[in-house]
């Protein structure tokens, strides 16, 4: 499937159960899981291997040290696991 630009990404986040406060610049669906923002491929592979009961993963905003950004060091961020009830918890932590 090819990437698509959409008029209102918030509708897609809502459809897949990603809370608006976790929004970022990219939304994807991988094997039924929503992926929001600059989530490292390593965590997507882990999600697909573990298959937790969850809606998906999110990295809110655009942390400067996340994949695809400028690579600034010293900007820690969390990858969040979005649970079926749309609550979320830390799934992984990156220090840089």
N, C-alpha and C. Protein backbone atom coordinates (compact mmCIF):
# COMPACT_ATOMS: atom_id res chain seq x y z
N UNK A 1 0.84 -1.17 0.00
CA UNK A 1 0.00 0.00 0.00
C UNK A 1 0.89 1.24 0.00
N UNK A 2 0.54 2.19 -0.82
CA UNK A 2 1.31 3.42 -0.92
C UNK A 2 0.86 4.42 0.14
N UNK A 3 1.78 5.24 0.65
CA UNK A 3 1.40 6.30 1.58
C UNK A 3 0.42 7.26 0.92
N UNK A 4 -0.47 7.84 1.73
CA UNK A 4 -1.45 8.78 1.22
C UNK A 4 -1.50 10.00 2.12
N UNK A 5 -1.62 11.17 1.51
CA UNK A 5 -1.93 12.37 2.26
C UNK A 5 -3.45 12.40 2.42
N UNK A 6 -3.91 12.79 3.59
CA UNK A 6 -5.35 12.86 3.85
C UNK A 6 -5.71 14.24 4.35
N UNK A 7 -6.96 14.62 4.15
CA UNK A 7 -7.44 15.94 4.55
C UNK A 7 -7.36 16.14 6.06
N UNK A 8 -7.84 15.15 6.82
CA UNK A 8 -7.93 15.31 8.28
C UNK A 8 -7.34 14.08 8.97
N UNK A 9 -6.02 14.13 9.28
CA UNK A 9 -5.39 12.97 9.94
C UNK A 9 -6.05 12.62 11.28
N UNK A 10 -6.67 13.61 11.93
CA UNK A 10 -7.34 13.35 13.20
C UNK A 10 -8.45 12.31 13.08
N UNK A 11 -9.10 12.26 11.92
CA UNK A 11 -10.13 11.25 11.71
C UNK A 11 -9.53 9.85 11.72
N UNK A 12 -8.34 9.71 11.13
CA UNK A 12 -7.67 8.42 11.12
C UNK A 12 -7.19 8.04 12.51
N UNK A 13 -6.65 9.00 13.25
CA UNK A 13 -6.25 8.71 14.62
C UNK A 13 -7.45 8.24 15.42
N UNK A 14 -8.59 8.93 15.27
CA UNK A 14 -9.80 8.54 15.99
C UNK A 14 -10.27 7.14 15.58
N UNK A 15 -10.21 6.86 14.29
CA UNK A 15 -10.65 5.55 13.80
C UNK A 15 -9.84 4.42 14.43
N UNK A 16 -8.56 4.66 14.64
CA UNK A 16 -7.70 3.61 15.18
C UNK A 16 -7.45 3.76 16.68
N UNK A 17 -8.15 4.71 17.33
CA UNK A 17 -8.10 4.81 18.78
C UNK A 17 -6.88 5.49 19.36
N UNK A 18 -6.24 6.35 18.58
CA UNK A 18 -5.08 7.08 19.09
C UNK A 18 -5.57 8.42 19.63
N UNK A 19 -5.41 8.67 20.94
CA UNK A 19 -5.88 9.93 21.52
C UNK A 19 -5.20 11.14 20.86
N UNK A 20 -5.94 12.23 20.74
CA UNK A 20 -5.42 13.44 20.11
C UNK A 20 -4.19 13.98 20.81
N UNK A 21 -4.07 13.78 22.11
CA UNK A 21 -2.90 14.31 22.81
C UNK A 21 -1.62 13.55 22.46
N UNK A 22 -1.74 12.47 21.70
CA UNK A 22 -0.57 11.71 21.25
C UNK A 22 -0.27 11.99 19.79
N UNK A 23 -0.90 12.97 19.21
CA UNK A 23 -0.75 13.20 17.78
C UNK A 23 0.66 13.63 17.40
N UNK A 24 0.97 13.32 16.16
CA UNK A 24 2.24 13.68 15.56
C UNK A 24 2.00 13.94 14.09
N UNK A 25 3.05 13.89 13.30
CA UNK A 25 2.95 14.26 11.89
C UNK A 25 2.65 13.07 10.97
N UNK A 26 2.76 11.84 11.46
CA UNK A 26 2.56 10.66 10.62
C UNK A 26 1.66 9.67 11.35
N UNK A 27 0.75 9.07 10.61
CA UNK A 27 -0.10 8.01 11.15
C UNK A 27 -0.04 6.85 10.16
N UNK A 28 0.17 5.65 10.68
CA UNK A 28 0.22 4.47 9.82
C UNK A 28 -0.51 3.33 10.52
N UNK A 29 -0.83 2.31 9.76
CA UNK A 29 -1.38 1.08 10.31
C UNK A 29 -0.52 -0.05 9.80
N UNK A 30 -0.02 -0.86 10.73
CA UNK A 30 0.83 -1.99 10.40
C UNK A 30 0.23 -3.23 11.05
N UNK A 31 -0.24 -4.14 10.23
CA UNK A 31 -0.81 -5.41 10.69
C UNK A 31 -1.85 -5.19 11.79
N UNK A 32 -2.69 -4.18 11.59
CA UNK A 32 -3.78 -3.92 12.52
C UNK A 32 -3.45 -2.98 13.67
N UNK A 33 -2.20 -2.62 13.84
CA UNK A 33 -1.77 -1.70 14.90
C UNK A 33 -1.56 -0.30 14.31
N UNK A 34 -2.02 0.71 15.04
CA UNK A 34 -1.76 2.09 14.64
C UNK A 34 -0.35 2.47 15.08
N UNK A 35 0.34 3.20 14.24
CA UNK A 35 1.68 3.71 14.54
C UNK A 35 1.61 5.22 14.33
N UNK A 36 1.81 5.98 15.40
CA UNK A 36 1.67 7.43 15.35
C UNK A 36 3.00 8.10 15.62
N UNK A 37 3.47 8.87 14.66
CA UNK A 37 4.69 9.64 14.86
C UNK A 37 5.95 8.88 14.48
N UNK A 38 7.07 9.37 15.00
CA UNK A 38 8.40 8.86 14.66
C UNK A 38 8.77 7.68 15.58
N UNK A 39 8.06 6.58 15.42
CA UNK A 39 8.30 5.37 16.22
C UNK A 39 9.47 4.61 15.60
N UNK A 40 10.49 4.27 16.41
CA UNK A 40 11.61 3.50 15.87
C UNK A 40 11.16 2.13 15.34
N UNK A 41 11.74 1.73 14.22
CA UNK A 41 11.41 0.44 13.61
C UNK A 41 11.60 -0.71 14.60
N UNK A 42 12.61 -0.58 15.44
CA UNK A 42 12.87 -1.62 16.45
C UNK A 42 11.65 -1.87 17.33
N UNK A 43 10.93 -0.81 17.69
CA UNK A 43 9.75 -0.98 18.56
C UNK A 43 8.56 -1.51 17.77
N UNK A 44 8.47 -1.19 16.49
CA UNK A 44 7.41 -1.76 15.66
C UNK A 44 7.63 -3.26 15.52
N UNK A 45 8.88 -3.67 15.27
CA UNK A 45 9.18 -5.11 15.18
C UNK A 45 8.86 -5.81 16.50
N UNK A 46 9.20 -5.18 17.61
CA UNK A 46 8.90 -5.75 18.93
C UNK A 46 7.39 -5.90 19.12
N UNK A 47 6.63 -4.87 18.76
CA UNK A 47 5.17 -4.90 18.87
C UNK A 47 4.61 -6.07 18.07
N UNK A 48 5.09 -6.24 16.85
CA UNK A 48 4.58 -7.32 16.00
C UNK A 48 4.99 -8.70 16.51
N UNK A 49 6.13 -8.79 17.17
CA UNK A 49 6.56 -10.07 17.75
C UNK A 49 5.78 -10.40 19.01
N UNK A 50 5.55 -9.40 19.86
CA UNK A 50 4.87 -9.62 21.14
C UNK A 50 3.35 -9.67 21.00
N UNK A 51 2.80 -8.93 20.03
CA UNK A 51 1.36 -8.86 19.77
C UNK A 51 0.53 -8.58 21.02
N UNK A 52 0.83 -7.51 21.77
CA UNK A 52 0.04 -7.20 22.96
C UNK A 52 -1.37 -6.74 22.57
N UNK A 53 -2.29 -6.84 23.52
CA UNK A 53 -3.63 -6.29 23.29
C UNK A 53 -3.50 -4.79 23.41
N UNK A 54 -3.44 -4.13 22.29
CA UNK A 54 -3.21 -2.69 22.25
C UNK A 54 -3.71 -2.15 20.93
N UNK A 55 -3.89 -0.84 20.89
CA UNK A 55 -4.27 -0.16 19.65
C UNK A 55 -3.05 0.14 18.80
N UNK A 56 -1.90 0.37 19.48
CA UNK A 56 -0.68 0.63 18.72
C UNK A 56 0.35 1.38 19.53
N UNK A 57 1.27 2.04 18.82
CA UNK A 57 2.37 2.78 19.43
C UNK A 57 2.31 4.24 19.00
N UNK A 58 2.83 5.11 19.88
CA UNK A 58 2.86 6.53 19.54
C UNK A 58 4.10 7.20 20.12
N UNK A 59 4.64 8.12 19.35
CA UNK A 59 5.66 9.06 19.82
C UNK A 59 5.08 10.45 19.54
N UNK A 60 4.47 11.06 20.57
CA UNK A 60 3.82 12.35 20.37
C UNK A 60 4.80 13.45 19.95
N UNK A 61 4.28 14.40 19.20
CA UNK A 61 5.10 15.52 18.76
C UNK A 61 6.17 15.06 17.79
N UNK A 62 7.27 15.75 17.79
CA UNK A 62 8.37 15.41 16.90
C UNK A 62 9.68 15.55 17.66
N UNK A 63 9.97 14.61 18.58
CA UNK A 63 11.21 14.73 19.36
C UNK A 63 12.43 14.81 18.44
N UNK A 64 13.33 15.75 18.70
CA UNK A 64 14.47 15.96 17.80
C UNK A 64 15.38 14.76 17.64
N UNK A 65 15.41 13.87 18.62
CA UNK A 65 16.31 12.72 18.52
C UNK A 65 15.60 11.46 18.03
N UNK A 66 14.34 11.56 17.63
CA UNK A 66 13.61 10.39 17.13
C UNK A 66 14.00 10.12 15.67
N UNK A 67 13.73 8.90 15.18
CA UNK A 67 14.09 8.55 13.80
C UNK A 67 13.50 9.53 12.80
N UNK A 68 14.31 9.93 11.85
CA UNK A 68 13.86 10.83 10.80
C UNK A 68 14.00 12.30 11.13
N UNK A 69 14.35 12.61 12.35
CA UNK A 69 14.56 14.00 12.73
C UNK A 69 16.04 14.32 12.56
N UNK A 70 16.49 15.43 13.11
CA UNK A 70 17.86 15.88 12.84
C UNK A 70 18.95 15.13 13.61
N UNK A 71 18.55 14.22 14.49
CA UNK A 71 19.53 13.42 15.20
C UNK A 71 20.13 14.08 16.41
N UNK A 72 19.54 15.16 16.89
CA UNK A 72 20.06 15.82 18.08
C UNK A 72 20.15 14.83 19.24
N UNK A 73 21.24 14.90 19.92
CA UNK A 73 21.41 14.03 21.08
C UNK A 73 20.91 14.76 22.32
N UNK A 74 20.62 13.98 23.34
CA UNK A 74 20.23 14.58 24.61
C UNK A 74 18.77 15.01 24.67
N UNK A 75 17.95 14.53 23.75
CA UNK A 75 16.53 14.82 23.79
C UNK A 75 15.78 13.52 24.02
N UNK A 76 15.65 13.10 25.28
CA UNK A 76 14.99 11.82 25.55
C UNK A 76 13.51 11.85 25.16
N UNK A 77 12.98 10.68 24.84
CA UNK A 77 11.55 10.56 24.54
C UNK A 77 11.10 9.14 24.84
N UNK A 78 9.80 8.99 24.98
CA UNK A 78 9.20 7.68 25.21
C UNK A 78 8.39 7.24 24.00
N UNK A 79 8.40 5.95 23.76
CA UNK A 79 7.47 5.32 22.83
C UNK A 79 6.34 4.81 23.72
N UNK A 80 5.12 5.21 23.40
CA UNK A 80 3.97 4.86 24.23
C UNK A 80 3.16 3.74 23.60
N UNK A 81 2.72 2.80 24.44
CA UNK A 81 1.83 1.74 24.02
C UNK A 81 0.41 2.22 24.31
N UNK A 82 -0.42 2.31 23.29
CA UNK A 82 -1.81 2.75 23.45
C UNK A 82 -2.66 1.51 23.69
N UNK A 83 -3.28 1.46 24.84
CA UNK A 83 -4.06 0.29 25.27
C UNK A 83 -5.46 0.31 24.64
N UNK A 84 -6.18 -0.81 24.71
CA UNK A 84 -7.51 -0.88 24.08
C UNK A 84 -8.49 0.20 24.56
N UNK A 85 -8.35 0.66 25.80
CA UNK A 85 -9.26 1.70 26.31
C UNK A 85 -8.73 3.11 26.04
N UNK A 86 -7.71 3.22 25.21
CA UNK A 86 -7.06 4.47 24.79
C UNK A 86 -6.18 5.10 25.87
N UNK A 87 -6.07 4.46 27.04
CA UNK A 87 -5.03 4.90 27.98
C UNK A 87 -3.71 4.45 27.38
N UNK A 88 -2.62 4.94 27.95
CA UNK A 88 -1.31 4.57 27.41
C UNK A 88 -0.27 4.52 28.51
N UNK A 89 0.80 3.81 28.19
CA UNK A 89 1.92 3.67 29.13
C UNK A 89 3.20 3.60 28.32
N UNK A 90 4.31 3.85 28.99
CA UNK A 90 5.62 3.78 28.32
C UNK A 90 5.88 2.34 27.86
N UNK A 91 6.32 2.21 26.65
CA UNK A 91 6.69 0.92 26.06
C UNK A 91 8.20 0.82 25.91
N UNK A 92 8.82 1.95 25.65
CA UNK A 92 10.28 2.03 25.53
C UNK A 92 10.70 3.46 25.80
N UNK A 93 11.93 3.63 26.28
CA UNK A 93 12.47 4.95 26.55
C UNK A 93 13.78 5.09 25.79
N UNK A 94 13.95 6.24 25.14
CA UNK A 94 15.17 6.54 24.42
C UNK A 94 15.80 7.77 25.02
N UNK A 95 17.07 7.67 25.39
CA UNK A 95 17.79 8.80 25.97
C UNK A 95 18.35 9.72 24.90
N UNK A 96 18.50 9.26 23.68
CA UNK A 96 19.03 10.09 22.59
C UNK A 96 18.58 9.59 21.26
